[in-house]
Amino acid sequence: MVWGAGAQRGFTLFEMMVVLAIIALGTALIAPRFINPVRHPRPELVLFLEGQRTQAIEKGTEVRIYDSGGMLKSVPLGGQLALPKGSRLDIRWPAPSVYQTRQLVAVFYPDGTSIVSDFDVVAEGAPGTTGQRLHIAITPMQGEVIYGS
C-alpha cells in the first residue's frame, strides 16, 4: 500500500476497542486498592467497645463499661472481655476512681453518643510486649472509638 497525499491515516474502530478494553481491565485491577485501602485488623478491645455501643443503640439503653480486675464488664448487658494477660489500663478520663472494686471506663447512650473516654492498654508481662501501649479514645458526640499506638 502506498501512502500518498490523499490516503487516510488513523485507527480502526476495532483497534480503539482493544485499547479501551486494556485500559478498563487495568483500571478494574487497580481501582479497588484505592477505593478500599488495606486496613489492619482492629484489636479485640476496640471490637468489644464498638459492639457495646451498637447494643446500646439497638436496645435503647445506656451501657456502662467497667474495669474489674483485668476484666471489662458491660452493665446492664452483661458483656465481658478479659484484657490480655499481663496488661493493665492507664485511664486518664473518666477521672480514675474505684467504686465497689470497679473503675468506669466508658458509657454509651441510646443515641450513639458517649462520655469522653481516654485510656491506654499497657502490656507488661508477655515476653516481647513489655511497655507496648494501645491508645484508645472515645469521642463524646459520635461515640466513635479511635485507637492507635
Protein backbone atom coordinates (compact mmCIF):
# COMPACT_ATOMS: atom_id res chain seq x y z
CA MET A 1 0.00 0.00 0.00
CA VAL A 2 1.36 3.38 -0.96
CA TRP A 3 0.82 6.29 1.35
CA GLY A 4 0.14 9.30 -0.72
CA ALA A 5 -1.23 12.72 -0.12
CA GLY A 6 -4.82 11.51 -0.42
CA ALA A 7 -4.50 8.45 1.86
CA GLN A 8 -6.34 8.50 5.20
CA ARG A 9 -4.49 7.72 8.37
CA GLY A 10 -5.96 6.74 11.72
CA PHE A 11 -7.13 3.86 13.86
CA THR A 12 -9.86 1.42 13.09
CA LEU A 13 -12.79 1.00 15.44
CA PHE A 14 -11.52 -2.46 16.37
CA GLU A 15 -8.08 -1.11 17.40
CA MET A 16 -9.71 1.57 19.55
CA MET A 17 -11.95 -1.00 21.24
CA VAL A 18 -8.93 -3.21 22.07
CA VAL A 19 -7.10 -0.25 23.65
CA LEU A 20 -10.17 0.73 25.68
CA ALA A 21 -10.61 -2.87 26.86
CA ILE A 22 -6.98 -2.96 28.06
CA ILE A 23 -7.42 0.34 29.92
CA ALA A 24 -10.67 -0.88 31.51
CA LEU A 25 -9.05 -4.13 32.62
CA GLY A 26 -6.11 -2.30 34.18
CA THR A 27 -8.45 0.10 35.98
CA ALA A 28 -10.57 -2.78 37.29
CA LEU A 29 -7.49 -4.43 38.75
CA ILE A 30 -6.05 -1.30 40.38
CA ALA A 31 -9.12 0.72 41.46
CA PRO A 32 -10.18 -1.46 44.44
CA ARG A 33 -6.89 -0.70 46.18
CA PHE A 34 -7.72 3.00 46.15
CA ILE A 35 -11.41 2.63 46.95
CA ASN A 36 -10.92 0.11 49.81
CA PRO A 37 -7.45 0.68 51.26
CA VAL A 38 -5.88 -2.12 53.27
CA ARG A 39 -6.99 -1.89 56.90
CA HIS A 40 -5.20 -3.51 59.75
CA PRO A 41 -7.35 -5.74 61.93
CA ARG A 42 -8.94 -3.93 64.85
CA PRO A 43 -7.88 -5.04 68.32
CA GLU A 44 -10.35 -7.19 70.25
CA LEU A 45 -10.88 -4.42 72.81
CA VAL A 46 -11.93 -1.97 70.08
CA LEU A 47 -14.35 -4.55 68.65
CA PHE A 48 -15.79 -5.09 72.14
CA LEU A 49 -16.33 -1.35 72.70
CA GLU A 50 -17.88 -0.87 69.25
CA GLY A 51 -20.17 -3.85 69.88
CA GLN A 52 -21.34 -2.40 73.20
CA ARG A 53 -22.10 0.94 71.51
CA THR A 54 -24.12 -0.88 68.84
CA GLN A 55 -26.02 -2.78 71.54
CA ALA A 56 -26.80 0.47 73.37
CA ILE A 57 -28.32 1.90 70.19
CA GLU A 58 -30.23 -1.27 69.25
CA LYS A 59 -31.63 -1.91 72.73
CA GLY A 60 -32.23 1.78 73.52
CA THR A 61 -30.40 1.60 76.84
CA GLU A 62 -27.42 3.23 78.50
CA VAL A 63 -24.43 0.88 78.65
CA ARG A 64 -21.61 1.33 81.15
CA ILE A 65 -18.25 -0.41 80.77
CA TYR A 66 -16.25 -1.09 83.93
CA ASP A 67 -12.75 -2.43 84.54
CA SER A 68 -12.97 -5.01 87.27
CA GLY A 69 -9.55 -6.50 87.93
CA GLY A 70 -8.39 -7.07 84.34
CA MET A 71 -11.88 -7.87 83.05
CA LEU A 72 -14.08 -5.36 81.23
CA LYS A 73 -17.74 -5.79 82.10
CA SER A 74 -20.76 -4.25 80.44
CA VAL A 75 -23.72 -3.20 82.62
CA PRO A 76 -26.63 -3.94 82.12
CA LEU A 77 -25.90 -6.08 79.04
CA GLY A 78 -23.53 -8.45 80.82
CA GLY A 79 -20.85 -8.47 78.10
CA GLN A 80 -17.34 -9.35 79.26
CA LEU A 81 -13.85 -9.10 77.82
CA ALA A 82 -10.68 -10.25 79.56
CA LEU A 83 -7.73 -7.93 78.99
CA PRO A 84 -4.65 -9.67 77.56
CA LYS A 85 -2.63 -11.44 80.23
CA GLY A 86 -0.06 -9.16 81.78
CA SER A 87 -1.71 -5.91 80.69
CA ARG A 88 -3.39 -3.07 82.55
CA LEU A 89 -5.42 0.04 81.79
CA ASP A 90 -3.97 3.53 82.28
CA ILE A 91 -7.15 5.59 82.43
CA ARG A 92 -6.91 9.37 82.00
CA TRP A 93 -10.61 10.06 81.55
CA PRO A 94 -13.12 9.48 83.07
CA ALA A 95 -11.26 10.50 86.19
CA PRO A 96 -9.93 7.39 87.92
CA SER A 97 -11.97 6.41 90.96
CA VAL A 98 -12.77 2.95 92.17
CA TYR A 99 -16.28 2.19 93.37
CA GLN A 100 -17.02 -1.34 94.61
CA THR A 101 -13.77 -2.61 93.03
CA ARG A 102 -14.83 -1.29 89.61
CA GLN A 103 -13.41 1.56 87.54
CA LEU A 104 -15.68 3.25 84.98
CA VAL A 105 -14.10 3.06 81.50
CA ALA A 106 -16.85 4.17 79.09
CA VAL A 107 -20.55 4.97 78.82
CA PHE A 108 -22.60 4.63 75.63
CA TYR A 109 -26.04 6.21 75.34
CA PRO A 110 -29.02 5.01 73.25
CA ASP A 111 -28.46 7.78 70.68
CA GLY A 112 -24.88 6.58 69.99
CA THR A 113 -23.13 9.33 71.92
CA SER A 114 -20.76 8.71 74.80
CA ILE A 115 -18.87 10.32 77.62
CA VAL A 116 -15.27 11.25 76.89
CA SER A 117 -13.01 8.26 77.45
CA ASP A 118 -9.24 8.26 77.06
CA PHE A 119 -7.01 5.40 78.17
CA ASP A 120 -4.10 3.15 77.25
CA VAL A 121 -3.82 -0.62 77.42
CA VAL A 122 -0.26 -1.28 78.59
CA ALA A 123 1.31 -4.71 78.08
CA GLU A 124 3.57 -5.60 80.99
CA GLY A 125 4.03 -9.34 81.34
CA ALA A 126 4.16 -11.08 77.97
CA PRO A 127 7.68 -11.57 76.54
CA GLY A 128 8.45 -9.09 73.80
CA THR A 129 5.46 -6.88 74.60
CA THR A 130 6.64 -5.13 77.75
CA GLY A 131 5.89 -1.43 77.57
CA GLN A 132 3.75 -1.62 74.42
CA ARG A 133 0.73 0.69 74.51
CA LEU A 134 -2.53 0.79 72.65
CA HIS A 135 -4.14 4.21 72.99
CA ILE A 136 -7.95 4.32 72.89
CA ALA A 137 -10.16 7.39 72.90
CA ILE A 138 -13.95 7.59 72.61
CA THR A 139 -15.42 10.80 71.21
CA PRO A 140 -18.41 12.18 73.12
CA MET A 141 -20.55 13.49 70.25
CA GLN A 142 -20.30 10.50 67.89
CA GLY A 143 -19.29 7.74 70.33
CA GLU A 144 -16.54 6.79 67.87
CA VAL A 145 -13.79 4.50 69.17
CA ILE A 146 -10.41 5.80 67.97
CA TYR A 147 -7.27 3.77 68.53
CA GLY A 148 -3.56 3.73 67.73
CA SER A 149 -0.15 3.04 69.17
